[in-house]
């Protein structure tokens, strides 16, 4: 993961903590990402770009339910659109992990 992605993850995690987004809201999305990552870890040929793009729907639903989640939606929606390869998805998954870690570090609510 590039230093730029770590910095972006740190900044977004901090912003989400300050906005009052709960850890469980972010972790629900992380769980969906981890599900895809587990499939491709077992067999990279199972990488399904449509399944990755469907993550946008999960984000939209969460953002519709919780207004504080909108910054998360805006940031990740853009990142999802850029994913075309397995490697890009893996970097995206690490980015999300960084966001969760820095959200927790900044005392984001549970």
N, C-alpha and C. Protein backbone atom coordinates (compact mmCIF):
# COMPACT_ATOMS: atom_id res chain seq x y z
N UNK A 1 0.86 -1.17 0.00
CA UNK A 1 0.00 0.00 0.00
C UNK A 1 0.90 1.23 0.00
N UNK A 2 0.57 2.17 -0.83
CA UNK A 2 1.40 3.37 -0.96
C UNK A 2 1.24 4.29 0.25
N UNK A 3 2.24 5.13 0.45
CA UNK A 3 2.19 6.09 1.55
C UNK A 3 1.01 7.03 1.38
N UNK A 4 0.67 7.34 0.12
CA UNK A 4 -0.47 8.22 -0.15
C UNK A 4 -1.78 7.59 0.33
N UNK A 5 -1.95 6.29 0.11
CA UNK A 5 -3.17 5.61 0.55
C UNK A 5 -3.24 5.56 2.07
N UNK A 6 -2.09 5.37 2.73
CA UNK A 6 -2.07 5.36 4.19
C UNK A 6 -2.49 6.73 4.71
N UNK A 7 -1.96 7.78 4.12
CA UNK A 7 -2.31 9.14 4.53
C UNK A 7 -3.78 9.41 4.29
N UNK A 8 -4.30 8.98 3.13
CA UNK A 8 -5.73 9.15 2.85
C UNK A 8 -6.58 8.39 3.86
N UNK A 9 -6.16 7.17 4.18
CA UNK A 9 -6.89 6.37 5.17
C UNK A 9 -6.87 7.02 6.54
N UNK A 10 -5.72 7.56 6.90
CA UNK A 10 -5.59 8.25 8.19
C UNK A 10 -6.52 9.46 8.25
N UNK A 11 -6.49 10.27 7.20
CA UNK A 11 -7.33 11.47 7.16
C UNK A 11 -8.82 11.13 7.19
N UNK A 12 -9.21 10.14 6.39
CA UNK A 12 -10.63 9.78 6.35
C UNK A 12 -11.07 9.15 7.67
N UNK A 13 -10.24 8.30 8.26
CA UNK A 13 -10.58 7.71 9.55
C UNK A 13 -10.80 8.77 10.61
N UNK A 14 -9.94 9.76 10.62
CA UNK A 14 -10.08 10.86 11.59
C UNK A 14 -11.35 11.66 11.33
N UNK A 15 -11.61 11.99 10.07
CA UNK A 15 -12.83 12.75 9.74
C UNK A 15 -14.09 12.00 10.12
N UNK A 16 -14.11 10.70 9.87
CA UNK A 16 -15.28 9.90 10.20
C UNK A 16 -15.49 9.81 11.72
N UNK A 17 -14.41 9.71 12.46
CA UNK A 17 -14.51 9.68 13.93
C UNK A 17 -15.11 10.99 14.43
N UNK A 18 -14.62 12.09 13.90
CA UNK A 18 -15.12 13.41 14.31
C UNK A 18 -16.57 13.63 13.89
N UNK A 19 -16.97 13.00 12.78
CA UNK A 19 -18.35 13.15 12.29
C UNK A 19 -19.34 12.29 13.07
N UNK A 20 -18.81 11.38 13.88
CA UNK A 20 -19.71 10.54 14.69
C UNK A 20 -20.12 9.24 14.03
N UNK A 21 -19.44 8.84 12.96
CA UNK A 21 -19.73 7.56 12.32
C UNK A 21 -19.23 6.45 13.24
N UNK A 22 -20.05 5.43 13.45
CA UNK A 22 -19.66 4.36 14.37
C UNK A 22 -18.75 3.34 13.69
N UNK A 23 -17.96 2.69 14.53
CA UNK A 23 -17.07 1.63 14.05
C UNK A 23 -17.87 0.53 13.37
N UNK A 24 -19.01 0.18 13.93
CA UNK A 24 -19.81 -0.92 13.35
C UNK A 24 -20.31 -0.58 11.95
N UNK A 25 -20.60 0.69 11.69
CA UNK A 25 -21.04 1.08 10.35
C UNK A 25 -19.93 0.88 9.33
N UNK A 26 -18.71 1.22 9.71
CA UNK A 26 -17.58 1.04 8.80
C UNK A 26 -17.24 -0.44 8.67
N UNK A 27 -17.29 -1.16 9.77
CA UNK A 27 -16.92 -2.57 9.75
C UNK A 27 -17.90 -3.41 8.92
N UNK A 28 -19.15 -2.99 8.81
CA UNK A 28 -20.10 -3.71 7.95
C UNK A 28 -19.59 -3.69 6.51
N UNK A 29 -19.11 -2.53 6.10
CA UNK A 29 -18.58 -2.41 4.75
C UNK A 29 -17.28 -3.19 4.62
N UNK A 30 -16.42 -3.10 5.61
CA UNK A 30 -15.18 -3.86 5.60
C UNK A 30 -15.46 -5.36 5.50
N UNK A 31 -16.49 -5.83 6.14
CA UNK A 31 -16.86 -7.24 6.07
C UNK A 31 -17.21 -7.65 4.64
N UNK A 32 -17.94 -6.81 3.93
CA UNK A 32 -18.29 -7.09 2.53
C UNK A 32 -17.03 -7.14 1.67
N UNK A 33 -16.11 -6.24 1.92
CA UNK A 33 -14.84 -6.21 1.18
C UNK A 33 -14.02 -7.46 1.50
N UNK A 34 -13.97 -7.82 2.78
CA UNK A 34 -13.21 -9.00 3.18
C UNK A 34 -13.77 -10.28 2.55
N UNK A 35 -15.07 -10.33 2.37
CA UNK A 35 -15.70 -11.48 1.73
C UNK A 35 -15.17 -11.65 0.30
N UNK A 36 -15.08 -10.57 -0.43
CA UNK A 36 -14.54 -10.61 -1.79
C UNK A 36 -13.06 -10.98 -1.74
N UNK A 37 -12.35 -10.39 -0.81
CA UNK A 37 -10.91 -10.65 -0.71
C UNK A 37 -10.65 -12.12 -0.38
N UNK A 38 -11.46 -12.72 0.46
CA UNK A 38 -11.28 -14.13 0.79
C UNK A 38 -11.47 -15.02 -0.44
N UNK A 39 -12.44 -14.67 -1.28
CA UNK A 39 -12.67 -15.44 -2.51
C UNK A 39 -11.45 -15.38 -3.42
N UNK A 40 -10.91 -14.19 -3.61
CA UNK A 40 -9.79 -14.07 -4.54
C UNK A 40 -8.49 -14.57 -3.92
N UNK A 41 -8.40 -14.60 -2.59
CA UNK A 41 -7.21 -15.17 -1.95
C UNK A 41 -7.14 -16.67 -2.23
N UNK A 42 -8.30 -17.31 -2.26
CA UNK A 42 -8.36 -18.74 -2.55
C UNK A 42 -8.07 -19.01 -4.02
N UNK A 43 -8.53 -18.10 -4.89
CA UNK A 43 -8.36 -18.30 -6.33
C UNK A 43 -8.58 -16.96 -7.03
N UNK A 44 -7.50 -16.35 -7.51
CA UNK A 44 -7.61 -15.03 -8.14
C UNK A 44 -8.49 -15.03 -9.38
N UNK A 45 -8.70 -16.19 -9.97
CA UNK A 45 -9.57 -16.27 -11.13
C UNK A 45 -11.03 -16.03 -10.76
N UNK A 46 -11.35 -16.07 -9.47
CA UNK A 46 -12.72 -15.81 -9.01
C UNK A 46 -12.99 -14.32 -8.84
N UNK A 47 -12.03 -13.49 -9.21
CA UNK A 47 -12.21 -12.05 -9.11
C UNK A 47 -13.34 -11.63 -10.04
N UNK A 48 -14.37 -11.04 -9.47
CA UNK A 48 -15.55 -10.62 -10.23
C UNK A 48 -15.70 -9.10 -10.07
N UNK A 49 -15.38 -8.38 -11.11
CA UNK A 49 -15.44 -6.92 -11.07
C UNK A 49 -16.86 -6.44 -10.76
N UNK A 50 -17.86 -7.16 -11.21
CA UNK A 50 -19.25 -6.77 -10.91
C UNK A 50 -19.54 -6.84 -9.41
N UNK A 51 -18.97 -7.82 -8.75
CA UNK A 51 -19.15 -7.94 -7.31
C UNK A 51 -18.49 -6.75 -6.59
N UNK A 52 -17.36 -6.33 -7.10
CA UNK A 52 -16.68 -5.16 -6.54
C UNK A 52 -17.54 -3.92 -6.76
N UNK A 53 -18.06 -3.74 -7.95
CA UNK A 53 -18.89 -2.57 -8.25
C UNK A 53 -20.16 -2.56 -7.42
N UNK A 54 -20.65 -3.74 -7.04
CA UNK A 54 -21.86 -3.83 -6.21
C UNK A 54 -21.64 -3.25 -4.82
N UNK A 55 -20.39 -3.14 -4.41
CA UNK A 55 -20.09 -2.50 -3.13
C UNK A 55 -20.65 -1.08 -3.08
N UNK A 56 -20.76 -0.44 -4.22
CA UNK A 56 -21.33 0.92 -4.28
C UNK A 56 -22.77 0.93 -3.78
N UNK A 57 -23.51 -0.13 -4.06
CA UNK A 57 -24.90 -0.23 -3.60
C UNK A 57 -24.93 -0.30 -2.07
N UNK A 58 -24.04 -1.10 -1.50
CA UNK A 58 -23.97 -1.22 -0.04
C UNK A 58 -23.63 0.13 0.59
N UNK A 59 -22.74 0.85 -0.03
CA UNK A 59 -22.39 2.18 0.46
C UNK A 59 -23.57 3.13 0.40
N UNK A 60 -24.28 3.12 -0.72
CA UNK A 60 -25.43 4.02 -0.88
C UNK A 60 -26.50 3.74 0.16
N UNK A 61 -26.73 2.48 0.44
CA UNK A 61 -27.72 2.11 1.45
C UNK A 61 -27.33 2.66 2.81
N UNK A 62 -26.08 2.45 3.20
CA UNK A 62 -25.60 2.94 4.49
C UNK A 62 -25.68 4.46 4.56
N UNK A 63 -25.29 5.14 3.50
CA UNK A 63 -25.32 6.61 3.47
C UNK A 63 -26.75 7.13 3.53
N UNK A 64 -27.69 6.38 2.97
CA UNK A 64 -29.09 6.77 3.05
C UNK A 64 -29.65 6.61 4.46
N UNK A 65 -29.14 5.66 5.19
CA UNK A 65 -29.61 5.41 6.55
C UNK A 65 -29.00 6.37 7.57
N UNK A 66 -27.73 6.69 7.38
CA UNK A 66 -26.99 7.47 8.39
C UNK A 66 -26.28 8.62 7.68
N UNK A 67 -26.72 9.85 7.91
CA UNK A 67 -26.16 10.99 7.16
C UNK A 67 -24.67 11.19 7.42
N UNK A 68 -24.19 10.83 8.62
CA UNK A 68 -22.77 10.98 8.92
C UNK A 68 -21.90 10.05 8.06
N UNK A 69 -22.52 9.08 7.44
CA UNK A 69 -21.81 8.11 6.61
C UNK A 69 -21.51 8.65 5.22
N UNK A 70 -22.11 9.77 4.85
CA UNK A 70 -21.94 10.30 3.49
C UNK A 70 -20.49 10.58 3.11
N UNK A 71 -19.63 11.11 4.01
CA UNK A 71 -18.23 11.30 3.59
C UNK A 71 -17.56 9.97 3.22
N UNK A 72 -17.91 8.92 3.95
CA UNK A 72 -17.41 7.58 3.66
C UNK A 72 -17.89 7.15 2.28
N UNK A 73 -19.16 7.35 2.01
CA UNK A 73 -19.73 7.01 0.70
C UNK A 73 -18.99 7.75 -0.41
N UNK A 74 -18.86 9.06 -0.26
CA UNK A 74 -18.24 9.87 -1.31
C UNK A 74 -16.81 9.41 -1.62
N UNK A 75 -16.05 9.17 -0.57
CA UNK A 75 -14.65 8.77 -0.75
C UNK A 75 -14.54 7.39 -1.40
N UNK A 76 -15.26 6.41 -0.83
CA UNK A 76 -15.12 5.04 -1.33
C UNK A 76 -15.81 4.82 -2.66
N UNK A 77 -16.85 5.53 -2.93
CA UNK A 77 -17.53 5.40 -4.22
C UNK A 77 -16.55 5.75 -5.34
N UNK A 78 -15.78 6.81 -5.15
CA UNK A 78 -14.78 7.20 -6.15
C UNK A 78 -13.71 6.13 -6.29
N UNK A 79 -13.24 5.61 -5.16
CA UNK A 79 -12.18 4.60 -5.19
C UNK A 79 -12.66 3.32 -5.88
N UNK A 80 -13.90 2.90 -5.62
CA UNK A 80 -14.44 1.68 -6.23
C UNK A 80 -14.48 1.82 -7.75
N UNK A 81 -14.84 2.99 -8.22
CA UNK A 81 -14.91 3.21 -9.66
C UNK A 81 -13.56 3.02 -10.36
N UNK A 82 -12.47 3.22 -9.63
CA UNK A 82 -11.14 3.11 -10.22
C UNK A 82 -10.62 1.68 -10.27
N UNK A 83 -11.27 0.77 -9.57
CA UNK A 83 -10.79 -0.62 -9.50
C UNK A 83 -11.06 -1.36 -10.80
N UNK A 84 -9.99 -1.94 -11.35
CA UNK A 84 -10.11 -2.74 -12.58
C UNK A 84 -9.41 -4.09 -12.46
N UNK A 85 -8.47 -4.20 -11.51
CA UNK A 85 -7.67 -5.42 -11.39
C UNK A 85 -7.69 -5.96 -9.96
N UNK A 86 -7.22 -7.19 -9.82
CA UNK A 86 -7.12 -7.81 -8.50
C UNK A 86 -6.21 -6.97 -7.61
N UNK A 87 -5.08 -6.55 -8.14
CA UNK A 87 -4.13 -5.76 -7.35
C UNK A 87 -4.76 -4.46 -6.88
N UNK A 88 -5.49 -3.79 -7.73
CA UNK A 88 -6.16 -2.55 -7.33
C UNK A 88 -7.19 -2.81 -6.24
N UNK A 89 -7.89 -3.94 -6.33
CA UNK A 89 -8.85 -4.28 -5.28
C UNK A 89 -8.14 -4.54 -3.96
N UNK A 90 -7.02 -5.25 -4.01
CA UNK A 90 -6.26 -5.53 -2.78
C UNK A 90 -5.79 -4.24 -2.12
N UNK A 91 -5.35 -3.29 -2.92
CA UNK A 91 -4.93 -1.99 -2.38
C UNK A 91 -6.12 -1.26 -1.76
N UNK A 92 -7.27 -1.36 -2.40
CA UNK A 92 -8.50 -0.76 -1.88
C UNK A 92 -8.86 -1.39 -0.53
N UNK A 93 -8.74 -2.70 -0.42
CA UNK A 93 -9.04 -3.39 0.83
C UNK A 93 -8.11 -2.91 1.94
N UNK A 94 -6.84 -2.73 1.62
CA UNK A 94 -5.90 -2.21 2.62
C UNK A 94 -6.24 -0.78 3.01
N UNK A 95 -6.70 -0.01 2.05
CA UNK A 95 -7.12 1.37 2.32
C UNK A 95 -8.27 1.38 3.33
N UNK A 96 -9.23 0.50 3.14
CA UNK A 96 -10.36 0.43 4.07
C UNK A 96 -9.89 0.01 5.46
N UNK A 97 -8.99 -0.95 5.50
CA UNK A 97 -8.43 -1.37 6.80
C UNK A 97 -7.75 -0.19 7.50
N UNK A 98 -7.06 0.64 6.73
CA UNK A 98 -6.41 1.83 7.31
C UNK A 98 -7.45 2.80 7.85
N UNK A 99 -8.53 2.98 7.13
CA UNK A 99 -9.60 3.87 7.60
C UNK A 99 -10.17 3.37 8.92
N UNK A 100 -10.45 2.08 9.00
CA UNK A 100 -11.00 1.50 10.23
C UNK A 100 -10.01 1.68 11.38
N UNK A 101 -8.74 1.41 11.13
CA UNK A 101 -7.72 1.52 12.17
C UNK A 101 -7.60 2.96 12.68
N UNK A 102 -7.55 3.91 11.77
CA UNK A 102 -7.40 5.30 12.18
C UNK A 102 -8.69 5.87 12.76
N UNK A 103 -9.81 5.34 12.35
CA UNK A 103 -11.08 5.72 12.98
C UNK A 103 -11.04 5.31 14.45
N UNK A 104 -10.64 4.09 14.70
CA UNK A 104 -10.55 3.58 16.08
C UNK A 104 -9.49 4.35 16.86
N UNK A 105 -8.35 4.60 16.24
CA UNK A 105 -7.28 5.35 16.87
C UNK A 105 -7.75 6.73 17.33
N UNK A 106 -8.60 7.35 16.53
CA UNK A 106 -9.13 8.67 16.83
C UNK A 106 -10.39 8.62 17.69
N UNK A 107 -10.56 7.48 18.35
CA UNK A 107 -11.64 7.29 19.31
C UNK A 107 -13.02 7.41 18.70
N UNK A 108 -13.14 6.85 17.49
CA UNK A 108 -14.46 6.78 16.85
C UNK A 108 -15.38 5.94 17.73
N UNK A 109 -16.65 6.31 17.75
CA UNK A 109 -17.57 5.60 18.63
C UNK A 109 -17.85 4.20 18.13
N UNK A 110 -18.17 3.31 19.07
CA UNK A 110 -18.48 1.91 18.73
C UNK A 110 -19.91 1.76 18.30
